[in-house]
């Protein structure tokens, strides 16, 4: 039996980012996924709905997905969950990489694929989906998958930025996301499609990147 999950989708910032509050509708404990741009809006939303934020989950380290992290941590003492490969990649870059955010070592918790994060009685599973970045990850909670910049409605994330890898993206899309049950709801990291969310079955039928019959076809779609 799938435990009921609270999920709130917030569109914020100049790049049509989605921030999510996800957690336990009974205990009202939630985590914030990809805190960026408008931390005051995130906190006011949580307060107005009687929610307690207990952690921050990061799908990937691009600045537009985590630029509110410092402000959030200045107001809440919560752990930050990042994929271990993403954390290592970002730290290897050193300073001066404006495309990427940074994570305070004292607050950072490193995840591997299959690890879970608690939000009240709800367990949120991390699924490593490299391609957009080396440590991109999606979060599965109660039949809902938060896909970050791995998968959009009728699209997929870029692979031409530092750390991007087209072969990894293809394997993440076809070998992981596409193999989830068809009724799994998909919640992307940006409002780039006609709708703010979709389902695995819909994307397998209509998303051109999931319709590629081979890696070579996928690479051709990307012009590579």
Foldseek 3Di string as FASTA:
>chain_A
DAADKDKDWDQADDFQFIKIWIAHPVVQFTAIEQDADCVVVVVVVSVVSVHDHAEYEYQAFFCRRHVCVVVVCVPDVHAYEFAPVRLVVVVVVPPDPNRGDHDDPVRYDHDDAQDWDHGPPWTKGWHAQAALARGGIWIDTRLEIEREQLDDQLEHHDQPDPRGDLVSSLCSVAVPLLPPDQARKYAYGGPPDPDRIDTSVNCCVRRVLNVDPDSVSNCVVVVD
